[in-house]
């Protein structure tokens, strides 16, 4: 994995999702209720919809198409119809900058 700079951590306000294209990979970054940042592959494993266009519920991202939910921390499916987990990526914040390893 290679570490990539996404920009300022303030670019992703608390309780929101934002899409980043990193080295050819679409990544959905969440700024969760615990003030932590989490990254998951932006494509729903059920039907290829952008997760960053969905809703953030605690630590879960909900797909805008059919309501599948994924745990942002682990990628595990939390609500059907998806059954395949999503890939997650390590995220860090240093000196106010947001980084992801893809």
C-alpha atoms as a PDB file:
ATOM      1  CA  UNK A   1       0.000   0.000   0.000  1.00  0.00           C
ATOM      2  CA  UNK A   2       1.080   3.544  -0.731  1.00  0.00           C
ATOM      3  CA  UNK A   3       0.193   6.526   1.431  1.00  0.00           C
ATOM      4  CA  UNK A   4      -1.598   9.385  -0.340  1.00  0.00           C
ATOM      5  CA  UNK A   5      -2.451  12.905   0.822  1.00  0.00           C
ATOM      6  CA  UNK A   6      -6.145  13.747   0.510  1.00  0.00           C
ATOM      7  CA  UNK A   7      -5.960  17.340   1.752  1.00  0.00           C
ATOM      8  CA  UNK A   8      -7.005  19.083   4.910  1.00  0.00           C
ATOM      9  CA  UNK A   9      -8.995  17.071   7.452  1.00  0.00           C
ATOM     10  CA  UNK A  10     -11.384  20.027   7.616  1.00  0.00           C
ATOM     11  CA  UNK A  11     -12.441  19.200   4.029  1.00  0.00           C
ATOM     12  CA  UNK A  12     -14.495  16.323   5.492  1.00  0.00           C
ATOM     13  CA  UNK A  13     -16.758  17.790   8.205  1.00  0.00           C
ATOM     14  CA  UNK A  14     -17.923  15.597  11.078  1.00  0.00           C
ATOM     15  CA  UNK A  15     -20.790  13.184  10.243  1.00  0.00           C
ATOM     16  CA  UNK A  16     -20.223  13.423   6.476  1.00  0.00           C
ATOM     17  CA  UNK A  17     -18.931  11.330   3.591  1.00  0.00           C
ATOM     18  CA  UNK A  18     -16.675  12.441   0.757  1.00  0.00           C
ATOM     19  CA  UNK A  19     -15.362  10.679  -2.340  1.00  0.00           C
ATOM     20  CA  UNK A  20     -11.706  10.816  -3.339  1.00  0.00           C
ATOM     21  CA  UNK A  21     -10.088   9.251  -6.393  1.00  0.00           C
ATOM     22  CA  UNK A  22      -6.774   7.827  -5.229  1.00  0.00           C
ATOM     23  CA  UNK A  23      -4.381   6.052  -7.603  1.00  0.00           C
ATOM     24  CA  UNK A  24      -7.297   4.878  -9.751  1.00  0.00           C
ATOM     25  CA  UNK A  25      -9.374   3.741  -6.777  1.00  0.00           C
ATOM     26  CA  UNK A  26     -12.597   5.462  -5.716  1.00  0.00           C
ATOM     27  CA  UNK A  27     -12.471   5.868  -1.933  1.00  0.00           C
ATOM     28  CA  UNK A  28     -15.297   6.957   0.383  1.00  0.00           C
ATOM     29  CA  UNK A  29     -13.977   8.768   3.474  1.00  0.00           C
ATOM     30  CA  UNK A  30     -16.163   9.274   6.531  1.00  0.00           C
ATOM     31  CA  UNK A  31     -15.644  11.629   9.448  1.00  0.00           C
ATOM     32  CA  UNK A  32     -17.547   9.654  12.083  1.00  0.00           C
ATOM     33  CA  UNK A  33     -19.240  10.503  15.360  1.00  0.00           C
ATOM     34  CA  UNK A  34     -16.129   9.495  17.348  1.00  0.00           C
ATOM     35  CA  UNK A  35     -14.234  12.223  15.442  1.00  0.00           C
ATOM     36  CA  UNK A  36     -12.267   9.499  13.652  1.00  0.00           C
ATOM     37  CA  UNK A  37     -11.792   9.132   9.914  1.00  0.00           C
ATOM     38  CA  UNK A  38     -12.504   5.902   8.053  1.00  0.00           C
ATOM     39  CA  UNK A  39     -12.100   4.896   4.409  1.00  0.00           C
ATOM     40  CA  UNK A  40     -13.904   2.259   2.395  1.00  0.00           C
ATOM     41  CA  UNK A  41     -14.003   1.460  -1.308  1.00  0.00           C
ATOM     42  CA  UNK A  42     -16.639   3.801  -2.739  1.00  0.00           C
ATOM     43  CA  UNK A  43     -18.493   1.162  -4.752  1.00  0.00           C
ATOM     44  CA  UNK A  44     -21.308  -0.851  -3.168  1.00  0.00           C
ATOM     45  CA  UNK A  45     -20.620  -4.582  -3.530  1.00  0.00           C
ATOM     46  CA  UNK A  46     -24.284  -5.215  -4.338  1.00  0.00           C
ATOM     47  CA  UNK A  47     -24.802  -3.116  -7.472  1.00  0.00           C
ATOM     48  CA  UNK A  48     -21.934  -0.692  -8.100  1.00  0.00           C
ATOM     49  CA  UNK A  49     -23.450   2.502  -6.668  1.00  0.00           C
ATOM     50  CA  UNK A  50     -21.320   5.207  -5.031  1.00  0.00           C
ATOM     51  CA  UNK A  51     -21.384   4.834  -1.241  1.00  0.00           C
ATOM     52  CA  UNK A  52     -20.239   8.437  -0.768  1.00  0.00           C
ATOM     53  CA  UNK A  53     -23.617   9.518  -2.170  1.00  0.00           C
ATOM     54  CA  UNK A  54     -25.358   7.602   0.612  1.00  0.00           C
ATOM     55  CA  UNK A  55     -25.898   8.332   4.307  1.00  0.00           C
ATOM     56  CA  UNK A  56     -23.619   7.927   7.310  1.00  0.00           C
ATOM     57  CA  UNK A  57     -25.309   6.309  10.326  1.00  0.00           C
ATOM     58  CA  UNK A  58     -22.836   6.168  13.205  1.00  0.00           C
ATOM     59  CA  UNK A  59     -20.089   3.943  11.810  1.00  0.00           C
ATOM     60  CA  UNK A  60     -22.170   2.599   8.930  1.00  0.00           C
ATOM     61  CA  UNK A  61     -22.486   3.891   5.388  1.00  0.00           C
ATOM     62  CA  UNK A  62     -25.785   3.211   3.642  1.00  0.00           C
ATOM     63  CA  UNK A  63     -25.888   2.717  -0.118  1.00  0.00           C
ATOM     64  CA  UNK A  64     -28.277   5.200  -1.756  1.00  0.00           C
ATOM     65  CA  UNK A  65     -29.658   2.589  -4.180  1.00  0.00           C
ATOM     66  CA  UNK A  66     -30.959  -0.363  -2.166  1.00  0.00           C
ATOM     67  CA  UNK A  67     -30.068   0.422   1.449  1.00  0.00           C
ATOM     68  CA  UNK A  68     -27.179  -1.978   1.960  1.00  0.00           C
ATOM     69  CA  UNK A  69     -25.072  -0.913   4.931  1.00  0.00           C
ATOM     70  CA  UNK A  70     -21.362  -1.412   5.545  1.00  0.00           C
ATOM     71  CA  UNK A  71     -19.313  -0.903   8.702  1.00  0.00           C
ATOM     72  CA  UNK A  72     -16.792   1.833   7.842  1.00  0.00           C
ATOM     73  CA  UNK A  73     -14.278   0.360  10.302  1.00  0.00           C
ATOM     74  CA  UNK A  74     -14.242  -3.197   8.951  1.00  0.00           C
ATOM     75  CA  UNK A  75     -16.105  -3.211   5.622  1.00  0.00           C
ATOM     76  CA  UNK A  76     -18.501  -5.860   6.984  1.00  0.00           C
ATOM     77  CA  UNK A  77     -22.044  -5.938   5.641  1.00  0.00           C
ATOM     78  CA  UNK A  78     -24.512  -4.762   8.292  1.00  0.00           C
ATOM     79  CA  UNK A  79     -27.709  -4.751   6.240  1.00  0.00           C
ATOM     80  CA  UNK A  80     -28.806  -6.603   3.105  1.00  0.00           C
ATOM     81  CA  UNK A  81     -29.118  -6.896   0.147  1.00  0.00           C
ATOM     82  CA  UNK A  82     -25.290  -6.780  -0.081  1.00  0.00           C
ATOM     83  CA  UNK A  83     -23.554  -9.936   1.151  1.00  0.00           C
ATOM     84  CA  UNK A  84     -19.935  -9.242   0.121  1.00  0.00           C
ATOM     85  CA  UNK A  85     -17.849  -7.029   2.450  1.00  0.00           C
ATOM     86  CA  UNK A  86     -16.282  -3.840   1.098  1.00  0.00           C
ATOM     87  CA  UNK A  87     -12.547  -3.154   1.180  1.00  0.00           C
ATOM     88  CA  UNK A  88     -11.322  -0.679   3.802  1.00  0.00           C
ATOM     89  CA  UNK A  89      -8.180   1.440   3.845  1.00  0.00           C
ATOM     90  CA  UNK A  90      -6.068   2.838   6.714  1.00  0.00           C
ATOM     91  CA  UNK A  91      -6.585   6.566   7.329  1.00  0.00           C
ATOM     92  CA  UNK A  92      -4.480   8.944   9.403  1.00  0.00           C
ATOM     93  CA  UNK A  93      -4.424  12.622  10.292  1.00  0.00           C
ATOM     94  CA  UNK A  94      -1.111  14.415  10.796  1.00  0.00           C
ATOM     95  CA  UNK A  95      -0.658  18.143  11.240  1.00  0.00           C
ATOM     96  CA  UNK A  96      -4.238  18.682  10.080  1.00  0.00           C
ATOM     97  CA  UNK A  97      -3.732  16.746   6.838  1.00  0.00           C
ATOM     98  CA  UNK A  98      -5.688  13.622   5.912  1.00  0.00           C
ATOM     99  CA  UNK A  99      -3.881  10.566   4.491  1.00  0.00           C
ATOM    100  CA  UNK A 100      -5.086   7.220   3.149  1.00  0.00           C
ATOM    101  CA  UNK A 101      -3.147   4.085   2.269  1.00  0.00           C
ATOM    102  CA  UNK A 102      -4.281   2.460  -0.988  1.00  0.00           C
END
